[in-house]
PDB file of N, CA and C in Angstrom:
ATOM      1  N   MET A   1     -31.495 216.576 200.059  1.00  0.00           N
ATOM      2  CA  MET A   1     -32.427 215.580 200.098  1.00  0.00           C
ATOM      3  C   MET A   1     -32.007 214.486 198.964  1.00  0.00           C
ATOM      4  N   LEU A   2     -31.149 214.892 198.136  1.00  0.00           N
ATOM      5  CA  LEU A   2     -30.736 213.976 197.038  1.00  0.00           C
ATOM      6  C   LEU A   2     -29.479 213.342 197.389  1.00  0.00           C
ATOM      7  N   THR A   3     -29.352 211.966 197.028  1.00  0.00           N
ATOM      8  CA  THR A   3     -28.134 211.210 197.325  1.00  0.00           C
ATOM      9  C   THR A   3     -27.777 210.658 195.912  1.00  0.00           C
ATOM     10  N   THR A   4     -26.659 209.901 195.888  1.00  0.00           N
ATOM     11  CA  THR A   4     -26.166 209.367 194.552  1.00  0.00           C
ATOM     12  C   THR A   4     -26.825 207.795 194.350  1.00  0.00           C
ATOM     13  N   THR A   5     -27.539 207.398 195.329  1.00  0.00           N
ATOM     14  CA  THR A   5     -28.071 206.035 195.123  1.00  0.00           C
ATOM     15  C   THR A   5     -29.339 206.184 194.290  1.00  0.00           C
ATOM     16  N   TRP A   6     -29.645 205.180 193.403  1.00  0.00           N
ATOM     17  CA  TRP A   6     -30.928 205.342 192.673  1.00  0.00           C
ATOM     18  C   TRP A   6     -31.878 204.270 193.209  1.00  0.00           C
ATOM     19  N   THR A   7     -33.160 204.590 193.369  1.00  0.00           N
ATOM     20  CA  THR A   7     -34.119 203.785 193.900  1.00  0.00           C
ATOM     21  C   THR A   7     -35.214 203.643 192.830  1.00  0.00           C
ATOM     22  N   LYS A   8     -35.616 202.300 192.565  1.00  0.00           N
ATOM     23  CA  LYS A   8     -36.479 201.939 191.637  1.00  0.00           C
ATOM     24  C   LYS A   8     -37.832 202.020 192.165  1.00  0.00           C
ATOM     25  N   ILE A   9     -38.751 202.902 191.711  1.00  0.00           N
ATOM     26  CA  ILE A   9     -40.117 202.860 192.172  1.00  0.00           C
ATOM     27  C   ILE A   9     -41.059 202.496 190.900  1.00  0.00           C
ATOM     28  N   VAL A  10     -41.856 201.467 191.008  1.00  0.00           N
ATOM     29  CA  VAL A  10     -42.674 201.125 189.931  1.00  0.00           C
ATOM     30  C   VAL A  10     -43.957 201.864 189.989  1.00  0.00           C
ATOM     31  N   ARG A  11     -44.396 202.450 189.093  1.00  0.00           N
ATOM     32  CA  ARG A  11     -45.722 203.199 188.985  1.00  0.00           C
ATOM     33  C   ARG A  11     -46.254 202.931 187.586  1.00  0.00           C
ATOM     34  N   GLY A  12     -47.383 202.025 187.641  1.00  0.00           N
ATOM     35  CA  GLY A  12     -48.089 201.656 186.368  1.00  0.00           C
ATOM     36  C   GLY A  12     -47.246 200.829 185.543  1.00  0.00           C
ATOM     37  N   SER A  13     -47.195 201.078 184.225  1.00  0.00           N
ATOM     38  CA  SER A  13     -46.570 199.955 183.341  1.00  0.00           C
ATOM     39  C   SER A  13     -45.104 200.189 183.278  1.00  0.00           C
ATOM     40  N   ALA A  14     -44.587 201.434 183.372  1.00  0.00           N
ATOM     41  CA  ALA A  14     -43.269 201.728 183.125  1.00  0.00           C
ATOM     42  C   ALA A  14     -42.470 202.125 184.427  1.00  0.00           C
ATOM     43  N   PRO A  15     -41.425 201.300 184.949  1.00  0.00           N
ATOM     44  CA  PRO A  15     -40.689 201.715 186.094  1.00  0.00           C
ATOM     45  C   PRO A  15     -39.817 203.083 185.795  1.00  0.00           C
ATOM     46  N   GLN A  16     -39.909 203.877 186.834  1.00  0.00           N
ATOM     47  CA  GLN A  16     -39.197 205.120 186.831  1.00  0.00           C
ATOM     48  C   GLN A  16     -38.113 205.197 187.998  1.00  0.00           C
ATOM     49  N   PHE A  17     -37.080 205.770 187.742  1.00  0.00           N
ATOM     50  CA  PHE A  17     -35.985 205.887 188.730  1.00  0.00           C
ATOM     51  C   PHE A  17     -35.799 207.207 189.406  1.00  0.00           C
ATOM     52  N   TYR A  18     -35.784 207.349 190.571  1.00  0.00           N
ATOM     53  CA  TYR A  18     -35.712 208.562 191.156  1.00  0.00           C
ATOM     54  C   TYR A  18     -34.529 208.569 192.264  1.00  0.00           C
ATOM     55  N   ARG A  19     -33.913 209.692 192.383  1.00  0.00           N
ATOM     56  CA  ARG A  19     -32.757 209.889 193.279  1.00  0.00           C
ATOM     57  C   ARG A  19     -33.343 210.331 194.669  1.00  0.00           C
ATOM     58  N   LEU A  20     -33.917 209.444 195.464  1.00  0.00           N
ATOM     59  CA  LEU A  20     -34.545 209.953 196.666  1.00  0.00           C
ATOM     60  C   LEU A  20     -33.810 209.113 197.789  1.00  0.00           C
ATOM     61  N   ARG A  21     -33.559 209.889 198.834  1.00  0.00           N
ATOM     62  CA  ARG A  21     -33.062 209.322 200.075  1.00  0.00           C
ATOM     63  C   ARG A  21     -34.214 208.541 200.676  1.00  0.00           C
ATOM     64  N   MET A  22     -33.953 207.292 201.084  1.00  0.00           N
ATOM     65  CA  MET A  22     -35.008 206.465 201.619  1.00  0.00           C
ATOM     66  C   MET A  22     -34.881 206.598 203.225  1.00  0.00           C
ATOM     67  N   ASP A  23     -34.909 207.779 203.748  1.00  0.00           N
ATOM     68  CA  ASP A  23     -34.742 207.865 205.168  1.00  0.00           C
ATOM     69  C   ASP A  23     -36.005 208.346 205.929  1.00  0.00           C
ATOM     70  N   GLY A  24     -37.179 208.071 205.254  1.00  0.00           N
ATOM     71  CA  GLY A  24     -38.388 208.577 205.900  1.00  0.00           C
ATOM     72  C   GLY A  24     -39.524 207.615 205.512  1.00  0.00           C
ATOM     73  N   LEU A  25     -40.740 208.088 205.857  1.00  0.00           N
ATOM     74  CA  LEU A  25     -41.924 207.428 205.622  1.00  0.00           C
ATOM     75  C   LEU A  25     -42.810 208.247 204.616  1.00  0.00           C
ATOM     76  N   PHE A  26     -42.875 207.708 203.411  1.00  0.00           N
ATOM     77  CA  PHE A  26     -43.555 208.492 202.343  1.00  0.00           C
ATOM     78  C   PHE A  26     -44.858 207.917 201.935  1.00  0.00           C
ATOM     79  N   GLY A  27     -45.271 206.803 202.295  1.00  0.00           N
ATOM     80  CA  GLY A  27     -46.539 206.168 202.021  1.00  0.00           C
ATOM     81  C   GLY A  27     -46.920 206.053 200.515  1.00  0.00           C
ATOM     82  N   GLY A  28     -45.971 205.732 199.795  1.00  0.00           N
ATOM     83  CA  GLY A  28     -46.157 205.501 198.312  1.00  0.00           C
ATOM     84  C   GLY A  28     -46.217 206.733 197.544  1.00  0.00           C
ATOM     85  N   VAL A  29     -45.914 207.902 198.133  1.00  0.00           N
ATOM     86  CA  VAL A  29     -46.003 209.136 197.385  1.00  0.00           C
ATOM     87  C   VAL A  29     -44.526 209.423 196.835  1.00  0.00           C
ATOM     88  N   ALA A  30     -44.473 209.781 195.548  1.00  0.00           N
ATOM     89  CA  ALA A  30     -43.192 210.034 194.918  1.00  0.00           C
ATOM     90  C   ALA A  30     -43.222 211.347 194.161  1.00  0.00           C
ATOM     91  N   ILE A  31     -42.239 211.542 193.560  1.00  0.00           N
ATOM     92  CA  ILE A  31     -42.111 212.761 192.595  1.00  0.00           C
ATOM     93  C   ILE A  31     -43.076 212.575 191.445  1.00  0.00           C
ATOM     94  N   GLN A  32     -43.838 213.574 191.142  1.00  0.00           N
ATOM     95  CA  GLN A  32     -44.513 213.457 189.786  1.00  0.00           C
ATOM     96  C   GLN A  32     -44.102 214.498 188.747  1.00  0.00           C
ATOM     97  N   HIS A  33     -44.189 213.995 187.472  1.00  0.00           N
ATOM     98  CA  HIS A  33     -43.839 214.881 186.428  1.00  0.00           C
ATOM     99  C   HIS A  33     -44.992 215.301 185.486  1.00  0.00           C
ATOM    100  N   GLY A  34     -44.879 216.395 184.962  1.00  0.00           N
ATOM    101  CA  GLY A  34     -46.013 216.972 184.154  1.00  0.00           C
ATOM    102  C   GLY A  34     -45.601 218.304 183.402  1.00  0.00           C
ATOM    103  N   ASN A  35     -46.796 218.798 182.933  1.00  0.00           N
ATOM    104  CA  ASN A  35     -46.519 220.130 182.147  1.00  0.00           C
ATOM    105  C   ASN A  35     -47.172 221.209 182.835  1.00  0.00           C
ATOM    106  N   ASN A  36     -46.766 222.303 182.823  1.00  0.00           N
ATOM    107  CA  ASN A  36     -47.516 223.636 182.977  1.00  0.00           C
ATOM    108  C   ASN A  36     -48.222 224.028 181.722  1.00  0.00           C
ATOM    109  N   LYS A  37     -49.395 224.314 181.742  1.00  0.00           N
ATOM    110  CA  LYS A  37     -50.103 224.640 180.500  1.00  0.00           C
ATOM    111  C   LYS A  37     -50.845 225.892 180.597  1.00  0.00           C
ATOM    112  N   PRO A  38     -50.253 227.045 180.339  1.00  0.00           N
ATOM    113  CA  PRO A  38     -51.026 228.311 180.506  1.00  0.00           C
ATOM    114  C   PRO A  38     -51.972 228.624 179.536  1.00  0.00           C
ATOM    115  N   LYS A  39     -52.496 229.783 179.447  1.00  0.00           N
ATOM    116  CA  LYS A  39     -53.558 230.229 178.477  1.00  0.00           C
ATOM    117  C   LYS A  39     -52.974 230.197 177.110  1.00  0.00           C
ATOM    118  N   SER A  40     -51.553 230.329 176.979  1.00  0.00           N
ATOM    119  CA  SER A  40     -51.039 230.487 175.682  1.00  0.00           C
ATOM    120  C   SER A  40     -50.671 229.116 175.043  1.00  0.00           C
ATOM    121  N   LEU A  41     -50.990 228.031 175.806  1.00  0.00           N
ATOM    122  CA  LEU A  41     -50.702 226.724 175.540  1.00  0.00           C
ATOM    123  C   LEU A  41     -49.299 226.309 175.273  1.00  0.00           C
ATOM    124  N   HIS A  42     -48.424 227.187 175.697  1.00  0.00           N
ATOM    125  CA  HIS A  42     -46.957 226.782 175.657  1.00  0.00           C
ATOM    126  C   HIS A  42     -46.610 226.017 176.870  1.00  0.00           C
ATOM    127  N   LYS A  43     -46.420 224.568 176.577  1.00  0.00           N
ATOM    128  CA  LYS A  43     -46.163 223.725 177.652  1.00  0.00           C
ATOM    129  C   LYS A  43     -44.747 223.697 178.119  1.00  0.00           C
ATOM    130  N   THR A  44     -44.445 223.742 179.466  1.00  0.00           N
ATOM    131  CA  THR A  44     -43.102 223.595 180.059  1.00  0.00           C
ATOM    132  C   THR A  44     -43.165 222.525 180.981  1.00  0.00           C
ATOM    133  N   ARG A  45     -42.112 221.673 181.020  1.00  0.00           N
ATOM    134  CA  ARG A  45     -41.870 220.582 181.960  1.00  0.00           C
ATOM    135  C   ARG A  45     -41.840 221.118 183.397  1.00  0.00           C
ATOM    136  N   ARG A  46     -42.434 220.381 184.280  1.00  0.00           N
ATOM    137  CA  ARG A  46     -42.186 220.740 185.728  1.00  0.00           C
ATOM    138  C   ARG A  46     -42.321 219.408 186.571  1.00  0.00           C
ATOM    139  N   ILE A  47     -41.969 219.515 187.790  1.00  0.00           N
ATOM    140  CA  ILE A  47     -42.137 218.383 188.834  1.00  0.00           C
ATOM    141  C   ILE A  47     -42.945 218.860 189.915  1.00  0.00           C
ATOM    142  N   TRP A  48     -43.637 217.911 190.582  1.00  0.00           N
ATOM    143  CA  TRP A  48     -44.196 218.198 191.837  1.00  0.00           C
ATOM    144  C   TRP A  48     -43.674 217.253 192.844  1.00  0.00           C
ATOM    145  N   LEU A  49     -42.979 217.835 193.951  1.00  0.00           N
ATOM    146  CA  LEU A  49     -42.398 217.311 194.999  1.00  0.00           C
ATOM    147  C   LEU A  49     -43.376 216.965 196.105  1.00  0.00           C
ATOM    148  N   PRO A  50     -43.255 215.727 196.774  1.00  0.00           N
ATOM    149  CA  PRO A  50     -44.185 215.429 197.886  1.00  0.00           C
ATOM    150  C   PRO A  50     -43.952 216.432 199.064  1.00  0.00           C
ATOM    151  N   ASN A  51     -45.019 216.632 199.904  1.00  0.00           N
ATOM    152  CA  ASN A  51     -44.841 217.597 201.035  1.00  0.00           C
ATOM    153  C   ASN A  51     -44.205 216.801 202.174  1.00  0.00           C
ATOM    154  N   ILE A  52     -43.011 216.845 202.250  1.00  0.00           N
ATOM    155  CA  ILE A  52     -42.266 216.150 203.357  1.00  0.00           C
ATOM    156  C   ILE A  52     -41.935 217.115 204.455  1.00  0.00           C
ATOM    157  N   GLN A  53     -42.282 216.543 205.638  1.00  0.00           N
ATOM    158  CA  GLN A  53     -42.053 217.426 206.823  1.00  0.00           C
ATOM    159  C   GLN A  53     -41.095 216.507 207.795  1.00  0.00           C
ATOM    160  N   LYS A  54     -40.384 217.242 208.698  1.00  0.00           N
ATOM    161  CA  LYS A  54     -39.546 216.674 209.696  1.00  0.00           C
ATOM    162  C   LYS A  54     -40.275 216.765 211.060  1.00  0.00           C
ATOM    163  N   VAL A  55     -40.614 215.533 211.689  1.00  0.00           N
ATOM    164  CA  VAL A  55     -41.661 215.552 212.807  1.00  0.00           C
ATOM    165  C   VAL A  55     -40.834 214.680 213.915  1.00  0.00           C
ATOM    166  N   LYS A  56     -41.062 215.120 215.134  1.00  0.00           N
ATOM    167  CA  LYS A  56     -40.644 214.229 216.225  1.00  0.00           C
ATOM    168  C   LYS A  56     -41.922 213.485 216.764  1.00  0.00           C
ATOM    169  N   LEU A  57     -41.923 212.179 216.857  1.00  0.00           N
ATOM    170  CA  LEU A  57     -42.969 211.339 217.195  1.00  0.00           C
ATOM    171  C   LEU A  57     -42.445 210.495 218.452  1.00  0.00           C
ATOM    172  N   TYR A  58     -43.319 210.175 219.320  1.00  0.00           N
ATOM    173  CA  TYR A  58     -43.093 209.310 220.514  1.00  0.00           C
ATOM    174  C   TYR A  58     -43.357 207.914 220.194  1.00  0.00           C
ATOM    175  N   SER A  59     -42.425 207.011 220.412  1.00  0.00           N
ATOM    176  CA  SER A  59     -42.630 205.522 220.345  1.00  0.00           C
ATOM    177  C   SER A  59     -42.770 204.994 221.681  1.00  0.00           C
ATOM    178  N   ALA A  60     -43.917 204.463 221.947  1.00  0.00           N
ATOM    179  CA  ALA A  60     -44.094 203.822 223.322  1.00  0.00           C
ATOM    180  C   ALA A  60     -43.403 202.548 223.519  1.00  0.00           C
ATOM    181  N   ILE A  61     -43.224 201.800 222.440  1.00  0.00           N
ATOM    182  CA  ILE A  61     -42.432 200.485 222.494  1.00  0.00           C
ATOM    183  C   ILE A  61     -40.921 200.726 222.788  1.00  0.00           C
ATOM    184  N   LEU A  62     -40.368 201.731 222.020  1.00  0.00           N
ATOM    185  CA  LEU A  62     -39.011 201.968 222.242  1.00  0.00           C
ATOM    186  C   LEU A  62     -38.723 202.936 223.304  1.00  0.00           C
ATOM    187  N   ASP A  63     -39.886 203.616 223.849  1.00  0.00           N
ATOM    188  CA  ASP A  63     -39.830 204.571 224.916  1.00  0.00           C
ATOM    189  C   ASP A  63     -38.812 205.676 224.617  1.00  0.00           C
ATOM    190  N   ARG A  64     -38.953 206.272 223.461  1.00  0.00           N
ATOM    191  CA  ARG A  64     -38.170 207.449 223.077  1.00  0.00           C
ATOM    192  C   ARG A  64     -38.733 208.204 221.976  1.00  0.00           C
ATOM    193  N   MET A  65     -38.257 209.403 221.780  1.00  0.00           N
ATOM    194  CA  MET A  65     -38.713 210.290 220.606  1.00  0.00           C
ATOM    195  C   MET A  65     -38.005 209.951 219.381  1.00  0.00           C
ATOM    196  N   LEU A  66     -38.748 209.814 218.246  1.00  0.00           N
ATOM    197  CA  LEU A  66     -38.178 209.566 217.009  1.00  0.00           C
ATOM    198  C   LEU A  66     -38.259 210.872 216.150  1.00  0.00           C
ATOM    199  N   GLU A  67     -37.255 211.222 215.487  1.00  0.00           N
ATOM    200  CA  GLU A  67     -37.162 212.313 214.409  1.00  0.00           C
ATOM    201  C   GLU A  67     -37.370 211.626 213.023  1.00  0.00           C
ATOM    202  N   VAL A  68     -38.564 211.855 212.471  1.00  0.00           N
ATOM    203  CA  VAL A  68     -38.794 211.163 211.226  1.00  0.00           C
ATOM    204  C   VAL A  68     -39.172 212.238 210.069  1.00  0.00           C
ATOM    205  N   ASN A  69     -38.626 212.014 208.954  1.00  0.00           N
ATOM    206  CA  ASN A  69     -39.108 212.643 207.694  1.00  0.00           C
ATOM    207  C   ASN A  69     -40.308 211.852 207.100  1.00  0.00           C
ATOM    208  N   LEU A  70     -41.487 212.511 206.960  1.00  0.00           N
ATOM    209  CA  LEU A  70     -42.539 211.966 206.534  1.00  0.00           C
ATOM    210  C   LEU A  70     -43.482 212.809 205.686  1.00  0.00           C
ATOM    211  N   THR A  71     -44.358 212.413 204.947  1.00  0.00           N
ATOM    212  CA  THR A  71     -45.362 213.123 204.198  1.00  0.00           C
ATOM    213  C   THR A  71     -46.431 213.452 205.101  1.00  0.00           C
ATOM    214  N   THR A  72     -47.267 214.443 204.779  1.00  0.00           N
ATOM    215  CA  THR A  72     -48.395 214.844 205.469  1.00  0.00           C
ATOM    216  C   THR A  72     -49.450 213.773 205.425  1.00  0.00           C
ATOM    217  N   ARG A  73     -49.585 212.999 204.361  1.00  0.00           N
ATOM    218  CA  ARG A  73     -50.440 211.955 204.104  1.00  0.00           C
ATOM    219  C   ARG A  73     -50.196 210.828 205.088  1.00  0.00           C
ATOM    220  N   VAL A  74     -48.900 210.586 205.431  1.00  0.00           N
ATOM    221  CA  VAL A  74     -48.570 209.460 206.436  1.00  0.00           C
ATOM    222  C   VAL A  74     -48.806 210.031 207.868  1.00  0.00           C
ATOM    223  N   LEU A  75     -48.678 211.361 208.050  1.00  0.00           N
ATOM    224  CA  LEU A  75     -48.912 211.919 209.383  1.00  0.00           C
ATOM    225  C   LEU A  75     -50.362 211.849 209.690  1.00  0.00           C
ATOM    226  N   ARG A  76     -51.206 212.013 208.780  1.00  0.00           N
ATOM    227  CA  ARG A  76     -52.681 211.923 209.002  1.00  0.00           C
ATOM    228  C   ARG A  76     -53.027 210.401 209.284  1.00  0.00           C
ATOM    229  N   THR A  77     -52.298 209.498 208.614  1.00  0.00           N
ATOM    230  CA  THR A  77     -52.630 207.993 208.879  1.00  0.00           C
ATOM    231  C   THR A  77     -52.020 207.559 210.147  1.00  0.00           C
ATOM    232  N   ILE A  78     -50.855 208.182 210.636  1.00  0.00           N
ATOM    233  CA  ILE A  78     -50.367 207.800 212.006  1.00  0.00           C
ATOM    234  C   ILE A  78     -51.406 208.354 212.948  1.00  0.00           C
ATOM    235  N   ASP A  79     -51.948 209.508 212.820  1.00  0.00           N
ATOM    236  CA  ASP A  79     -53.036 209.952 213.848  1.00  0.00           C
ATOM    237  C   ASP A  79     -54.205 209.004 213.816  1.00  0.00           C
ATOM    238  N   LYS A  80     -54.629 208.573 212.578  1.00  0.00           N
ATOM    239  CA  LYS A  80     -55.782 207.742 212.550  1.00  0.00           C
ATOM    240  C   LYS A  80     -55.487 206.391 213.254  1.00  0.00           C
ATOM    241  N   LYS A  81     -54.316 205.796 213.044  1.00  0.00           N
ATOM    242  CA  LYS A  81     -54.004 204.548 213.681  1.00  0.00           C
ATOM    243  C   LYS A  81     -53.802 204.586 215.204  1.00  0.00           C
ATOM    244  N   GLY A  82     -53.402 205.791 215.713  1.00  0.00           N
ATOM    245  CA  GLY A  82     -53.038 205.960 217.036  1.00  0.00           C
ATOM    246  C   GLY A  82     -51.653 206.014 217.441  1.00  0.00           C
ATOM    247  N   GLY A  83     -50.742 206.245 216.599  1.00  0.00           N
ATOM    248  CA  GLY A  83     -49.419 206.309 216.970  1.00  0.00           C
ATOM    249  C   GLY A  83     -48.561 205.714 215.916  1.00  0.00           C
ATOM    250  N   ILE A  84     -47.190 206.085 216.011  1.00  0.00           N
ATOM    251  CA  ILE A  84     -46.266 205.552 215.132  1.00  0.00           C
ATOM    252  C   ILE A  84     -46.028 204.129 215.214  1.00  0.00           C
ATOM    253  N   ASP A  85     -46.025 203.490 216.345  1.00  0.00           N
ATOM    254  CA  ASP A  85     -45.870 202.028 216.583  1.00  0.00           C
ATOM    255  C   ASP A  85     -46.945 201.397 215.863  1.00  0.00           C
ATOM    256  N   ARG A  86     -48.255 201.746 216.054  1.00  0.00           N
ATOM    257  CA  ARG A  86     -49.402 200.973 215.469  1.00  0.00           C
ATOM    258  C   ARG A  86     -49.299 201.133 213.997  1.00  0.00           C
ATOM    259  N   TYR A  87     -48.870 202.238 213.465  1.00  0.00           N
ATOM    260  CA  TYR A  87     -48.807 202.426 211.958  1.00  0.00           C
ATOM    261  C   TYR A  87     -47.744 201.468 211.388  1.00  0.00           C
ATOM    262  N   ILE A  88     -46.611 201.492 212.033  1.00  0.00           N
ATOM    263  CA  ILE A  88     -45.531 200.648 211.523  1.00  0.00           C
ATOM    264  C   ILE A  88     -45.832 199.177 211.619  1.00  0.00           C
ATOM    265  N   LEU A  89     -46.337 198.838 212.693  1.00  0.00           N
ATOM    266  CA  LEU A  89     -46.595 197.295 212.886  1.00  0.00           C
ATOM    267  C   LEU A  89     -47.826 196.823 212.081  1.00  0.00           C
ATOM    268  N   ASP A  90     -48.836 197.670 211.695  1.00  0.00           N
ATOM    269  CA  ASP A  90     -49.907 197.260 210.907  1.00  0.00           C
ATOM    270  C   ASP A  90     -49.683 197.255 209.514  1.00  0.00           C
ATOM    271  N   SER A  91     -48.835 198.153 208.966  1.00  0.00           N
ATOM    272  CA  SER A  91     -48.628 198.327 207.598  1.00  0.00           C
ATOM    273  C   SER A  91     -47.751 197.126 207.006  1.00  0.00           C
ATOM    274  N   LYS A  92     -48.033 196.736 205.761  1.00  0.00           N
ATOM    275  CA  LYS A  92     -47.217 195.789 205.120  1.00  0.00           C
ATOM    276  C   LYS A  92     -46.002 196.400 204.723  1.00  0.00           C
ATOM    277  N   GLU A  93     -44.959 195.498 204.507  1.00  0.00           N
ATOM    278  CA  GLU A  93     -43.596 195.993 204.123  1.00  0.00           C
ATOM    279  C   GLU A  93     -43.708 196.757 202.841  1.00  0.00           C
ATOM    280  N   LYS A  94     -44.457 196.262 201.856  1.00  0.00           N
ATOM    281  CA  LYS A  94     -44.490 196.865 200.545  1.00  0.00           C
ATOM    282  C   LYS A  94     -45.176 198.271 200.617  1.00  0.00           C
ATOM    283  N   HIS A  95     -45.859 198.542 201.634  1.00  0.00           N
ATOM    284  CA  HIS A  95     -46.439 199.912 201.821  1.00  0.00           C
ATOM    285  C   HIS A  95     -45.531 200.900 202.539  1.00  0.00           C
ATOM    286  N   ILE A  96     -44.752 200.351 203.349  1.00  0.00           N
ATOM    287  CA  ILE A  96     -43.672 201.143 204.055  1.00  0.00           C
ATOM    288  C   ILE A  96     -42.609 201.647 203.068  1.00  0.00           C
ATOM    289  N   ALA A  97     -41.980 200.688 202.315  1.00  0.00           N
ATOM    290  CA  ALA A  97     -41.115 200.862 201.185  1.00  0.00           C
ATOM    291  C   ALA A  97     -40.010 201.753 201.401  1.00  0.00           C
ATOM    292  N   SER A  98     -39.402 201.885 202.553  1.00  0.00           N
ATOM    293  CA  SER A  98     -38.294 202.742 202.652  1.00  0.00           C
ATOM    294  C   SER A  98     -37.317 201.887 203.649  1.00  0.00           C
ATOM    295  N   ASP A  99     -35.996 202.252 203.537  1.00  0.00           N
ATOM    296  CA  ASP A  99     -34.949 201.603 204.280  1.00  0.00           C
ATOM    297  C   ASP A  99     -35.306 202.107 205.978  1.00  0.00           C
ATOM    298  N   PHE A 100     -35.457 203.267 206.108  1.00  0.00           N
ATOM    299  CA  PHE A 100     -35.791 203.733 207.527  1.00  0.00           C
ATOM    300  C   PHE A 100     -37.026 202.972 208.080  1.00  0.00           C
ATOM    301  N   GLY A 101     -38.056 202.909 207.364  1.00  0.00           N
ATOM    302  CA  GLY A 101     -39.243 202.330 207.815  1.00  0.00           C
ATOM    303  C   GLY A 101     -39.133 200.891 208.081  1.00  0.00           C
ATOM    304  N   LEU A 102     -38.416 200.112 207.331  1.00  0.00           N
ATOM    305  CA  LEU A 102     -38.224 198.618 207.484  1.00  0.00           C
ATOM    306  C   LEU A 102     -37.317 198.516 208.586  1.00  0.00           C
ATOM    307  N   SER A 103     -36.269 199.227 208.791  1.00  0.00           N
ATOM    308  CA  SER A 103     -35.382 199.011 209.954  1.00  0.00           C
ATOM    309  C   SER A 103     -36.136 199.468 211.215  1.00  0.00           C
ATOM    310  N   LEU A 104     -36.964 200.435 211.204  1.00  0.00           N
ATOM    311  CA  LEU A 104     -37.771 200.800 212.374  1.00  0.00           C
ATOM    312  C   LEU A 104     -38.641 199.555 212.785  1.00  0.00           C
ATOM    313  N   LYS A 105     -39.305 198.989 211.782  1.00  0.00           N
ATOM    314  CA  LYS A 105     -40.150 197.804 212.037  1.00  0.00           C
ATOM    315  C   LYS A 105     -39.457 196.709 212.780  1.00  0.00           C
ATOM    316  N   LYS A 106     -38.134 196.467 212.168  1.00  0.00           N
ATOM    317  CA  LYS A 106     -37.540 195.354 212.919  1.00  0.00           C
ATOM    318  C   LYS A 106     -37.145 195.747 214.222  1.00  0.00           C
ATOM    319  N   ARG A 107     -36.795 197.016 214.476  1.00  0.00           N
ATOM    320  CA  ARG A 107     -36.398 197.414 215.983  1.00  0.00           C
ATOM    321  C   ARG A 107     -37.660 197.242 216.952  1.00  0.00           C
ATOM    322  N   LEU A 108     -38.844 197.648 216.243  1.00  0.00           N
ATOM    323  CA  LEU A 108     -39.981 197.594 217.135  1.00  0.00           C
ATOM    324  C   LEU A 108     -40.322 196.006 217.508  1.00  0.00           C
ATOM    325  N   LEU A 109     -40.234 195.193 216.490  1.00  0.00           N
ATOM    326  CA  LEU A 109     -40.444 193.695 216.681  1.00  0.00           C
ATOM    327  C   LEU A 109     -39.505 193.082 217.627  1.00  0.00           C
ATOM    328  N   ARG A 110     -38.318 193.429 217.568  1.00  0.00           N
ATOM    329  CA  ARG A 110     -37.298 193.019 218.398  1.00  0.00           C
ATOM    330  C   ARG A 110     -37.658 193.490 219.847  1.00  0.00           C
ATOM    331  N   ALA A 111     -37.904 194.699 220.058  1.00  0.00           N
ATOM    332  CA  ALA A 111     -38.236 195.229 221.287  1.00  0.00           C
ATOM    333  C   ALA A 111     -39.422 194.671 221.927  1.00  0.00           C
ATOM    334  N   LEU A 112     -40.445 194.275 221.086  1.00  0.00           N
ATOM    335  CA  LEU A 112     -41.725 193.531 221.517  1.00  0.00           C
ATOM    336  C   LEU A 112     -41.383 192.194 222.058  1.00  0.00           C
ATOM    337  N   ASP A 113     -40.401 191.481 221.251  1.00  0.00           N
ATOM    338  CA  ASP A 113     -39.971 190.036 221.655  1.00  0.00           C
ATOM    339  C   ASP A 113     -39.254 190.150 222.980  1.00  0.00           C
ATOM    340  N   LYS A 114     -38.370 191.158 223.190  1.00  0.00           N
ATOM    341  CA  LYS A 114     -37.602 191.303 224.399  1.00  0.00           C
ATOM    342  C   LYS A 114     -38.641 191.484 225.540  1.00  0.00           C
ATOM    343  N   LYS A 115     -39.693 192.370 225.508  1.00  0.00           N
ATOM    344  CA  LYS A 115     -40.595 192.633 226.548  1.00  0.00           C
ATOM    345  C   LYS A 115     -41.515 191.307 226.773  1.00  0.00           C
ATOM    346  N   LYS A 116     -41.802 190.602 225.763  1.00  0.00           N
ATOM    347  CA  LYS A 116     -42.607 189.333 225.967  1.00  0.00           C
ATOM    348  C   LYS A 116     -41.686 188.230 226.685  1.00  0.00           C
ATOM    349  N   SER A 117     -40.440 188.123 226.271  1.00  0.00           N
ATOM    350  CA  SER A 117     -39.617 186.994 226.857  1.00  0.00           C
ATOM    351  C   SER A 117     -39.003 187.460 228.222  1.00  0.00           C
ATOM    352  N   ALA A 118     -39.149 188.656 228.565  1.00  0.00           N
ATOM    353  CA  ALA A 118     -38.509 189.002 229.926  1.00  0.00           C
ATOM    354  C   ALA A 118     -39.480 188.456 231.000  1.00  0.00           C
ATOM    355  N   PRO A 119     -38.916 188.057 232.060  1.00  0.00           N
ATOM    356  CA  PRO A 119     -39.646 187.472 233.119  1.00  0.00           C
ATOM    357  C   PRO A 119     -40.535 188.396 233.830  1.00  0.00           C
ATOM    358  N   GLN A 120     -41.796 188.134 233.910  1.00  0.00           N
ATOM    359  CA  GLN A 120     -42.739 189.025 234.618  1.00  0.00           C
ATOM    360  C   GLN A 120     -42.645 188.991 235.989  1.00  0.00           C
ATOM    361  N   GLN A 121     -42.636 190.158 236.704  1.00  0.00           N
ATOM    362  CA  GLN A 121     -42.603 190.230 238.101  1.00  0.00           C
ATOM    363  C   GLN A 121     -43.992 190.523 238.663  1.00  0.00           C
ATOM    364  N   ASP A 122     -44.461 189.732 239.612  1.00  0.00           N
ATOM    365  CA  ASP A 122     -45.815 190.003 240.150  1.00  0.00           C
ATOM    366  C   ASP A 122     -45.534 190.827 241.508  1.00  0.00           C
ATOM    367  N   ALA A 123     -46.392 191.747 241.652  1.00  0.00           N
ATOM    368  CA  ALA A 123     -46.287 192.620 242.835  1.00  0.00           C
ATOM    369  C   ALA A 123     -47.099 192.145 244.013  1.00  0.00           C
TER     370      ALA A 123
END
């Protein structure tokens, strides 16, 4: 899941750099850092990784199945919106914030433009 490219994610006052592949929909969730603090009060550093799942979702606009890495939080939002197409088209680009999500949004918008510009046949 790690690559050699660095991605800048701004959280609060200080920017932090993570080596995350931007090939999924993460919904603003990133790696979190903190301490384990047991009863002995001996603190040890640890990280919490987001719950990333690989899911196949159907896109009605593209008329095909998409295999997507996403967090469970985004999966719940997709269910709430009514599908991956509606989620991608309704979300702002700053909330999608991944290379995969932005390219998918461009593909969906191009496919919608093609369907609108195609001559309509009356039966």
